[in-house]
PDB file of N, CA and C in Angstrom:
ATOM      1  N   MET A   1     -18.175  97.233 -17.452  1.00  0.00           N
ATOM      2  CA  MET A   1     -17.681  98.640 -18.098  1.00  0.00           C
ATOM      3  C   MET A   1     -16.238  99.043 -17.965  1.00  0.00           C
ATOM      4  N   THR A   2     -15.649  99.468 -19.114  1.00  0.00           N
ATOM      5  CA  THR A   2     -13.954  99.851 -18.672  1.00  0.00           C
ATOM      6  C   THR A   2     -14.499 101.215 -18.306  1.00  0.00           C
ATOM      7  N   ALA A   3     -13.164 101.934 -18.070  1.00  0.00           N
ATOM      8  CA  ALA A   3     -13.403 103.095 -17.667  1.00  0.00           C
ATOM      9  C   ALA A   3     -13.215 104.328 -19.263  1.00  0.00           C
ATOM     10  N   LYS A   4     -12.445 103.270 -20.151  1.00  0.00           N
ATOM     11  CA  LYS A   4     -12.661 103.769 -21.474  1.00  0.00           C
ATOM     12  C   LYS A   4     -13.954 104.138 -21.828  1.00  0.00           C
ATOM     13  N   SER A   5     -14.665 102.979 -21.782  1.00  0.00           N
ATOM     14  CA  SER A   5     -15.463 103.150 -22.540  1.00  0.00           C
ATOM     15  C   SER A   5     -16.857 104.080 -21.601  1.00  0.00           C
ATOM     16  N   ASN A   6     -16.541 104.338 -20.449  1.00  0.00           N
ATOM     17  CA  ASN A   6     -17.669 105.669 -19.988  1.00  0.00           C
ATOM     18  C   ASN A   6     -16.970 107.220 -20.531  1.00  0.00           C
ATOM     19  N   LYS A   7     -15.613 106.861 -20.552  1.00  0.00           N
ATOM     20  CA  LYS A   7     -15.171 108.158 -21.348  1.00  0.00           C
ATOM     21  C   LYS A   7     -15.810 108.255 -22.782  1.00  0.00           C
ATOM     22  N   ASP A   8     -15.641 107.372 -23.329  1.00  0.00           N
ATOM     23  CA  ASP A   8     -15.977 107.099 -25.121  1.00  0.00           C
ATOM     24  C   ASP A   8     -17.943 107.451 -25.147  1.00  0.00           C
ATOM     25  N   ASN A   9     -18.329 107.359 -23.874  1.00  0.00           N
ATOM     26  CA  ASN A   9     -19.715 107.652 -24.122  1.00  0.00           C
ATOM     27  C   ASN A   9     -20.256 108.983 -23.505  1.00  0.00           C
ATOM     28  N   ILE A  10     -19.360 110.101 -23.245  1.00  0.00           N
ATOM     29  CA  ILE A  10     -19.486 111.092 -22.821  1.00  0.00           C
ATOM     30  C   ILE A  10     -20.068 112.338 -24.099  1.00  0.00           C
ATOM     31  N   PRO A  11     -20.507 113.105 -23.907  1.00  0.00           N
ATOM     32  CA  PRO A  11     -20.898 114.338 -25.509  1.00  0.00           C
ATOM     33  C   PRO A  11     -19.477 114.993 -25.155  1.00  0.00           C
ATOM     34  N   PHE A  12     -19.066 115.399 -26.297  1.00  0.00           N
ATOM     35  CA  PHE A  12     -18.186 116.132 -26.548  1.00  0.00           C
ATOM     36  C   PHE A  12     -18.031 117.350 -25.334  1.00  0.00           C
ATOM     37  N   GLU A  13     -18.978 118.422 -25.285  1.00  0.00           N
ATOM     38  CA  GLU A  13     -19.138 119.467 -24.397  1.00  0.00           C
ATOM     39  C   GLU A  13     -18.673 119.133 -23.141  1.00  0.00           C
ATOM     40  N   LYS A  14     -19.278 118.080 -22.734  1.00  0.00           N
ATOM     41  CA  LYS A  14     -19.256 117.484 -21.463  1.00  0.00           C
ATOM     42  C   LYS A  14     -17.806 117.516 -21.039  1.00  0.00           C
ATOM     43  N   ALA A  15     -16.996 116.744 -22.005  1.00  0.00           N
ATOM     44  CA  ALA A  15     -15.416 116.532 -22.036  1.00  0.00           C
ATOM     45  C   ALA A  15     -14.698 117.659 -21.913  1.00  0.00           C
ATOM     46  N   LEU A  16     -15.080 118.431 -22.859  1.00  0.00           N
ATOM     47  CA  LEU A  16     -14.457 119.821 -22.670  1.00  0.00           C
ATOM     48  C   LEU A  16     -14.592 120.531 -21.327  1.00  0.00           C
ATOM     49  N   GLU A  17     -15.784 120.565 -20.845  1.00  0.00           N
ATOM     50  CA  GLU A  17     -16.180 121.325 -19.749  1.00  0.00           C
ATOM     51  C   GLU A  17     -15.047 120.905 -18.529  1.00  0.00           C
ATOM     52  N   LYS A  18     -15.214 119.484 -18.805  1.00  0.00           N
ATOM     53  CA  LYS A  18     -14.402 118.801 -17.521  1.00  0.00           C
ATOM     54  C   LYS A  18     -12.922 119.074 -17.759  1.00  0.00           C
ATOM     55  N   LEU A  19     -12.483 119.349 -19.075  1.00  0.00           N
ATOM     56  CA  LEU A  19     -11.109 119.659 -19.666  1.00  0.00           C
ATOM     57  C   LEU A  19     -10.891 121.052 -18.869  1.00  0.00           C
ATOM     58  N   GLU A  20     -11.642 121.918 -18.899  1.00  0.00           N
ATOM     59  CA  GLU A  20     -12.013 123.377 -18.821  1.00  0.00           C
ATOM     60  C   GLU A  20     -11.401 123.356 -17.206  1.00  0.00           C
ATOM     61  N   LYS A  21     -11.845 122.824 -16.380  1.00  0.00           N
ATOM     62  CA  LYS A  21     -11.947 122.533 -15.066  1.00  0.00           C
ATOM     63  C   LYS A  21     -10.475 122.163 -14.661  1.00  0.00           C
ATOM     64  N   ILE A  22     -10.278 121.407 -15.301  1.00  0.00           N
ATOM     65  CA  ILE A  22      -9.096 120.516 -14.916  1.00  0.00           C
ATOM     66  C   ILE A  22      -7.776 121.490 -15.064  1.00  0.00           C
ATOM     67  N   VAL A  23      -7.739 122.241 -16.244  1.00  0.00           N
ATOM     68  CA  VAL A  23      -6.963 123.250 -16.915  1.00  0.00           C
ATOM     69  C   VAL A  23      -6.993 124.534 -15.331  1.00  0.00           C
ATOM     70  N   ILE A  24      -8.101 124.796 -15.344  1.00  0.00           N
ATOM     71  CA  ILE A  24      -7.989 126.376 -14.163  1.00  0.00           C
ATOM     72  C   ILE A  24      -7.817 126.015 -12.781  1.00  0.00           C
ATOM     73  N   SER A  25      -7.959 124.210 -12.576  1.00  0.00           N
ATOM     74  CA  SER A  25      -7.622 123.910 -11.302  1.00  0.00           C
ATOM     75  C   SER A  25      -5.966 123.675 -11.309  1.00  0.00           C
ATOM     76  N   MET A  26      -5.519 123.160 -12.569  1.00  0.00           N
ATOM     77  CA  MET A  26      -3.798 123.218 -12.481  1.00  0.00           C
ATOM     78  C   MET A  26      -3.404 124.294 -12.437  1.00  0.00           C
ATOM     79  N   GLU A  27      -3.837 125.679 -13.212  1.00  0.00           N
ATOM     80  CA  GLU A  27      -3.469 127.089 -12.840  1.00  0.00           C
ATOM     81  C   GLU A  27      -3.251 127.393 -11.776  1.00  0.00           C
ATOM     82  N   ASP A  28      -3.983 127.060 -10.427  1.00  0.00           N
ATOM     83  CA  ASP A  28      -4.340 127.712  -9.474  1.00  0.00           C
ATOM     84  C   ASP A  28      -3.067 127.379  -8.542  1.00  0.00           C
ATOM     85  N   LYS A  29      -2.133 126.323  -9.001  1.00  0.00           N
ATOM     86  CA  LYS A  29      -0.687 126.295  -8.350  1.00  0.00           C
ATOM     87  C   LYS A  29      -0.721 126.028  -6.931  1.00  0.00           C
ATOM     88  N   GLN A  30      -2.658 125.199  -6.494  1.00  0.00           N
ATOM     89  CA  GLN A  30      -1.866 124.937  -5.213  1.00  0.00           C
ATOM     90  C   GLN A  30      -2.412 123.215  -5.422  1.00  0.00           C
ATOM     91  N   LEU A  31      -2.263 122.772  -5.793  1.00  0.00           N
ATOM     92  CA  LEU A  31      -2.303 121.232  -6.407  1.00  0.00           C
ATOM     93  C   LEU A  31      -0.860 120.616  -5.434  1.00  0.00           C
ATOM     94  N   SER A  32      -1.239 119.630  -4.800  1.00  0.00           N
ATOM     95  CA  SER A  32       0.108 118.741  -4.521  1.00  0.00           C
ATOM     96  C   SER A  32       0.779 118.208  -5.667  1.00  0.00           C
ATOM     97  N   LEU A  33       2.188 117.848  -5.527  1.00  0.00           N
ATOM     98  CA  LEU A  33       2.363 116.895  -6.980  1.00  0.00           C
ATOM     99  C   LEU A  33       1.724 115.906  -7.712  1.00  0.00           C
ATOM    100  N   ASP A  34       1.196 114.821  -6.575  1.00  0.00           N
ATOM    101  CA  ASP A  34       0.517 113.663  -7.021  1.00  0.00           C
ATOM    102  C   ASP A  34      -0.938 114.006  -7.390  1.00  0.00           C
ATOM    103  N   ASN A  35      -1.685 115.034  -6.720  1.00  0.00           N
ATOM    104  CA  ASN A  35      -3.037 115.667  -7.564  1.00  0.00           C
ATOM    105  C   ASN A  35      -2.580 116.255  -8.752  1.00  0.00           C
ATOM    106  N   MET A  36      -1.420 116.824  -9.229  1.00  0.00           N
ATOM    107  CA  MET A  36      -1.121 117.880 -10.013  1.00  0.00           C
ATOM    108  C   MET A  36      -0.981 116.926 -11.038  1.00  0.00           C
ATOM    109  N   MET A  37      -0.128 115.368 -10.913  1.00  0.00           N
ATOM    110  CA  MET A  37      -0.051 114.595 -11.965  1.00  0.00           C
ATOM    111  C   MET A  37      -1.294 113.593 -12.343  1.00  0.00           C
ATOM    112  N   ASN A  38      -2.328 113.707 -11.456  1.00  0.00           N
ATOM    113  CA  ASN A  38      -3.550 112.937 -11.661  1.00  0.00           C
ATOM    114  C   ASN A  38      -4.309 113.494 -12.640  1.00  0.00           C
ATOM    115  N   HIS A  39      -4.236 114.814 -12.494  1.00  0.00           N
ATOM    116  CA  HIS A  39      -5.179 116.044 -13.399  1.00  0.00           C
ATOM    117  C   HIS A  39      -4.414 116.098 -14.401  1.00  0.00           C
ATOM    118  N   PHE A  40      -3.309 116.050 -14.863  1.00  0.00           N
ATOM    119  CA  PHE A  40      -2.378 116.199 -15.952  1.00  0.00           C
ATOM    120  C   PHE A  40      -2.808 114.713 -16.840  1.00  0.00           C
ATOM    121  N   GLU A  41      -2.746 113.513 -15.974  1.00  0.00           N
ATOM    122  CA  GLU A  41      -3.265 112.570 -16.354  1.00  0.00           C
ATOM    123  C   GLU A  41      -4.477 112.257 -17.275  1.00  0.00           C
ATOM    124  N   ASN A  42      -5.573 113.046 -16.276  1.00  0.00           N
ATOM    125  CA  ASN A  42      -7.004 113.011 -16.575  1.00  0.00           C
ATOM    126  C   ASN A  42      -7.027 114.213 -17.906  1.00  0.00           C
ATOM    127  N   GLY A  43      -6.723 114.972 -17.781  1.00  0.00           N
ATOM    128  CA  GLY A  43      -6.868 115.798 -18.768  1.00  0.00           C
ATOM    129  C   GLY A  43      -6.325 115.683 -19.882  1.00  0.00           C
ATOM    130  N   LYS A  44      -4.942 114.912 -20.176  1.00  0.00           N
ATOM    131  CA  LYS A  44      -4.233 114.284 -21.335  1.00  0.00           C
ATOM    132  C   LYS A  44      -5.561 113.168 -22.061  1.00  0.00           C
ATOM    133  N   LYS A  45      -6.274 112.395 -21.138  1.00  0.00           N
ATOM    134  CA  LYS A  45      -7.092 111.488 -21.810  1.00  0.00           C
ATOM    135  C   LYS A  45      -8.232 112.498 -22.123  1.00  0.00           C
ATOM    136  N   LEU A  46      -8.918 113.575 -21.546  1.00  0.00           N
ATOM    137  CA  LEU A  46     -10.052 114.434 -21.815  1.00  0.00           C
ATOM    138  C   LEU A  46      -9.656 114.793 -23.268  1.00  0.00           C
ATOM    139  N   SER A  47      -8.028 115.521 -23.116  1.00  0.00           N
ATOM    140  CA  SER A  47      -7.890 116.010 -24.671  1.00  0.00           C
ATOM    141  C   SER A  47      -7.340 115.212 -25.625  1.00  0.00           C
ATOM    142  N   ASP A  48      -6.906 114.191 -25.370  1.00  0.00           N
ATOM    143  CA  ASP A  48      -7.177 112.706 -26.807  1.00  0.00           C
ATOM    144  C   ASP A  48      -8.885 112.677 -27.162  1.00  0.00           C
ATOM    145  N   TYR A  49      -9.907 112.572 -26.469  1.00  0.00           N
ATOM    146  CA  TYR A  49     -10.544 111.882 -26.561  1.00  0.00           C
ATOM    147  C   TYR A  49     -11.436 113.340 -27.790  1.00  0.00           C
ATOM    148  N   CYS A  50     -11.162 114.579 -26.760  1.00  0.00           N
ATOM    149  CA  CYS A  50     -11.848 115.636 -27.688  1.00  0.00           C
ATOM    150  C   CYS A  50     -11.205 115.450 -29.170  1.00  0.00           C
ATOM    151  N   SER A  51      -9.929 115.325 -28.982  1.00  0.00           N
ATOM    152  CA  SER A  51      -9.499 115.645 -30.412  1.00  0.00           C
ATOM    153  C   SER A  51      -9.676 114.231 -31.294  1.00  0.00           C
ATOM    154  N   ARG A  52     -10.509 113.073 -30.546  1.00  0.00           N
ATOM    155  CA  ARG A  52     -10.413 112.198 -31.654  1.00  0.00           C
ATOM    156  C   ARG A  52     -11.950 112.684 -31.929  1.00  0.00           C
ATOM    157  N   LYS A  53     -12.685 113.113 -31.500  1.00  0.00           N
ATOM    158  CA  LYS A  53     -14.101 113.307 -31.714  1.00  0.00           C
ATOM    159  C   LYS A  53     -14.055 114.465 -32.453  1.00  0.00           C
ATOM    160  N   LEU A  54     -13.572 115.486 -32.703  1.00  0.00           N
ATOM    161  CA  LEU A  54     -13.643 116.343 -33.752  1.00  0.00           C
ATOM    162  C   LEU A  54     -12.831 116.037 -34.930  1.00  0.00           C
ATOM    163  N   THR A  55     -11.989 115.162 -34.854  1.00  0.00           N
ATOM    164  CA  THR A  55     -11.882 114.545 -36.362  1.00  0.00           C
ATOM    165  C   THR A  55     -12.928 113.861 -37.039  1.00  0.00           C
ATOM    166  N   GLU A  56     -13.560 112.804 -35.878  1.00  0.00           N
ATOM    167  CA  GLU A  56     -14.751 112.160 -36.438  1.00  0.00           C
ATOM    168  C   GLU A  56     -15.818 113.311 -37.070  1.00  0.00           C
ATOM    169  N   PHE A  57     -15.931 114.446 -36.128  1.00  0.00           N
ATOM    170  CA  PHE A  57     -16.845 115.386 -36.889  1.00  0.00           C
ATOM    171  C   PHE A  57     -16.461 116.009 -38.161  1.00  0.00           C
ATOM    172  N   GLU A  58     -15.085 115.941 -38.060  1.00  0.00           N
ATOM    173  CA  GLU A  58     -14.700 116.560 -39.378  1.00  0.00           C
ATOM    174  C   GLU A  58     -14.912 115.831 -40.834  1.00  0.00           C
ATOM    175  N   LYS A  59     -14.505 114.461 -40.564  1.00  0.00           N
ATOM    176  CA  LYS A  59     -14.541 113.400 -41.406  1.00  0.00           C
ATOM    177  C   LYS A  59     -16.004 113.435 -41.917  1.00  0.00           C
ATOM    178  N   LYS A  60     -17.136 113.543 -40.900  1.00  0.00           N
ATOM    179  CA  LYS A  60     -18.178 113.404 -41.298  1.00  0.00           C
ATOM    180  C   LYS A  60     -18.977 114.620 -41.970  1.00  0.00           C
ATOM    181  N   ILE A  61     -18.429 115.884 -41.886  1.00  0.00           N
ATOM    182  CA  ILE A  61     -18.913 117.134 -42.274  1.00  0.00           C
ATOM    183  C   ILE A  61     -18.556 116.569 -43.819  1.00  0.00           C
ATOM    184  N   GLU A  62     -17.358 116.064 -44.061  1.00  0.00           N
ATOM    185  CA  GLU A  62     -16.445 116.307 -45.591  1.00  0.00           C
ATOM    186  C   GLU A  62     -17.450 115.271 -46.359  1.00  0.00           C
ATOM    187  N   ILE A  63     -17.715 114.365 -45.968  1.00  0.00           N
ATOM    188  CA  ILE A  63     -18.509 113.013 -45.957  1.00  0.00           C
ATOM    189  C   ILE A  63     -19.840 113.802 -46.773  1.00  0.00           C
ATOM    190  N   LEU A  64     -20.263 114.301 -45.676  1.00  0.00           N
ATOM    191  CA  LEU A  64     -22.070 114.877 -46.203  1.00  0.00           C
ATOM    192  C   LEU A  64     -22.035 116.184 -47.253  1.00  0.00           C
ATOM    193  N   VAL A  65     -20.449 116.810 -46.881  1.00  0.00           N
ATOM    194  CA  VAL A  65     -20.580 117.758 -48.154  1.00  0.00           C
ATOM    195  C   VAL A  65     -20.104 117.164 -49.721  1.00  0.00           C
ATOM    196  N   LYS A  66     -19.089 116.561 -49.421  1.00  0.00           N
ATOM    197  CA  LYS A  66     -18.962 115.717 -50.628  1.00  0.00           C
ATOM    198  C   LYS A  66     -19.910 115.060 -51.410  1.00  0.00           C
ATOM    199  N   LYS A  67     -20.710 114.114 -50.681  1.00  0.00           N
ATOM    200  CA  LYS A  67     -22.035 113.679 -51.181  1.00  0.00           C
ATOM    201  C   LYS A  67     -22.779 114.645 -51.680  1.00  0.00           C
ATOM    202  N   THR A  68     -23.165 116.002 -51.247  1.00  0.00           N
ATOM    203  CA  THR A  68     -24.248 116.397 -51.712  1.00  0.00           C
ATOM    204  C   THR A  68     -23.802 117.587 -52.737  1.00  0.00           C
ATOM    205  N   GLU A  69     -22.133 117.790 -52.991  1.00  0.00           N
ATOM    206  CA  GLU A  69     -21.825 118.431 -53.754  1.00  0.00           C
ATOM    207  C   GLU A  69     -21.815 117.771 -55.276  1.00  0.00           C
ATOM    208  N   ASN A  70     -21.625 116.524 -55.245  1.00  0.00           N
ATOM    209  CA  ASN A  70     -21.495 115.477 -56.160  1.00  0.00           C
ATOM    210  C   ASN A  70     -23.196 114.877 -56.545  1.00  0.00           C
ATOM    211  N   GLY A  71     -24.101 115.746 -56.369  1.00  0.00           N
ATOM    212  CA  GLY A  71     -25.268 115.246 -56.612  1.00  0.00           C
ATOM    213  C   GLY A  71     -26.039 113.848 -56.268  1.00  0.00           C
ATOM    214  N   GLY A  72     -25.461 113.601 -54.901  1.00  0.00           N
ATOM    215  CA  GLY A  72     -25.569 112.115 -54.322  1.00  0.00           C
ATOM    216  C   GLY A  72     -26.276 112.547 -53.279  1.00  0.00           C
ATOM    217  N   GLU A  73     -26.911 111.455 -52.405  1.00  0.00           N
ATOM    218  CA  GLU A  73     -27.833 111.851 -51.158  1.00  0.00           C
ATOM    219  C   GLU A  73     -26.576 111.551 -50.128  1.00  0.00           C
ATOM    220  N   TRP A  74     -27.343 112.142 -48.704  1.00  0.00           N
ATOM    221  CA  TRP A  74     -26.641 112.182 -47.596  1.00  0.00           C
ATOM    222  C   TRP A  74     -26.374 110.949 -46.851  1.00  0.00           C
ATOM    223  N   LYS A  75     -24.954 110.540 -46.698  1.00  0.00           N
ATOM    224  CA  LYS A  75     -24.351 109.363 -46.657  1.00  0.00           C
ATOM    225  C   LYS A  75     -24.319 109.139 -45.092  1.00  0.00           C
ATOM    226  N   ASN A  76     -24.442 107.756 -43.916  1.00  0.00           N
ATOM    227  CA  ASN A  76     -24.270 107.399 -43.047  1.00  0.00           C
ATOM    228  C   ASN A  76     -22.845 107.330 -42.613  1.00  0.00           C
ATOM    229  N   PHE A  77     -22.367 108.211 -41.626  1.00  0.00           N
ATOM    230  CA  PHE A  77     -20.917 108.126 -41.318  1.00  0.00           C
ATOM    231  C   PHE A  77     -20.884 106.982 -40.951  1.00  0.00           C
ATOM    232  N   GLU A  78     -21.624 106.563 -40.449  1.00  0.00           N
ATOM    233  CA  GLU A  78     -20.980 105.222 -39.564  1.00  0.00           C
ATOM    234  C   GLU A  78     -20.809 104.252 -40.331  1.00  0.00           C
ATOM    235  N   ASP A  79     -21.205 104.341 -41.553  1.00  0.00           N
ATOM    236  CA  ASP A  79     -21.189 103.085 -42.562  1.00  0.00           C
ATOM    237  C   ASP A  79     -19.853 103.233 -42.777  1.00  0.00           C
ATOM    238  N   ASN A  80     -19.259 104.415 -42.783  1.00  0.00           N
ATOM    239  CA  ASN A  80     -17.660 104.441 -43.709  1.00  0.00           C
ATOM    240  C   ASN A  80     -16.885 104.694 -42.691  1.00  0.00           C
ATOM    241  N   LYS A  81     -16.882 104.319 -41.627  1.00  0.00           N
ATOM    242  CA  LYS A  81     -15.729 104.685 -40.421  1.00  0.00           C
ATOM    243  C   LYS A  81     -14.612 103.659 -40.813  1.00  0.00           C
ATOM    244  N   GLY A  82     -13.814 104.741 -40.784  1.00  0.00           N
ATOM    245  CA  GLY A  82     -12.380 104.353 -41.335  1.00  0.00           C
ATOM    246  C   GLY A  82     -11.716 104.833 -42.635  1.00  0.00           C
ATOM    247  N   ALA A  83     -12.987 104.673 -43.252  1.00  0.00           N
ATOM    248  CA  ALA A  83     -12.388 104.907 -45.211  1.00  0.00           C
ATOM    249  C   ALA A  83     -12.052 106.437 -44.961  1.00  0.00           C
ATOM    250  N   ASP A  84     -11.447 106.561 -46.323  1.00  0.00           N
ATOM    251  CA  ASP A  84     -10.922 107.995 -46.557  1.00  0.00           C
ATOM    252  C   ASP A  84     -12.329 108.510 -47.429  1.00  0.00           C
ATOM    253  N   PRO A  85     -12.749 109.722 -46.889  1.00  0.00           N
ATOM    254  CA  PRO A  85     -14.046 110.432 -47.405  1.00  0.00           C
ATOM    255  C   PRO A  85     -13.920 110.833 -48.925  1.00  0.00           C
ATOM    256  N   PHE A  86     -12.738 110.987 -49.161  1.00  0.00           N
ATOM    257  CA  PHE A  86     -12.386 111.184 -50.443  1.00  0.00           C
ATOM    258  C   PHE A  86     -12.628 110.178 -51.424  1.00  0.00           C
ATOM    259  N   GLU A  87     -12.613 108.867 -51.091  1.00  0.00           N
ATOM    260  CA  GLU A  87     -12.198 107.729 -52.003  1.00  0.00           C
ATOM    261  C   GLU A  87     -14.329 107.305 -51.817  1.00  0.00           C
ATOM    262  N   LEU A  88     -14.929 107.817 -51.313  1.00  0.00           N
ATOM    263  CA  LEU A  88     -16.305 107.185 -51.278  1.00  0.00           C
ATOM    264  C   LEU A  88     -16.962 107.903 -52.279  1.00  0.00           C
ATOM    265  N   GLU A  89     -17.655 107.342 -53.266  1.00  0.00           N
ATOM    266  CA  GLU A  89     -18.306 107.502 -54.600  1.00  0.00           C
ATOM    267  C   GLU A  89     -19.254 106.475 -54.646  1.00  0.00           C
TER     268      GLU A  89
END
């Protein structure tokens, strides 16, 4: 299993917690330059992951709200991955 797939399987809250710890550690200003760069790289990966997850959550909510507002049924988000939520009818 690759490192990327491992990170993609962690819960959003856990990723955010790890990111917060990295930020606190970096703000402490007692890291070597190498450690600072490692923290920055890991923080960037976690930040990108959290951003991706939030976008997925937002799309899912848009799909669910749109479907129920139009008298439709709840739609399975996984079936619509990559679809424009405003074009689903």
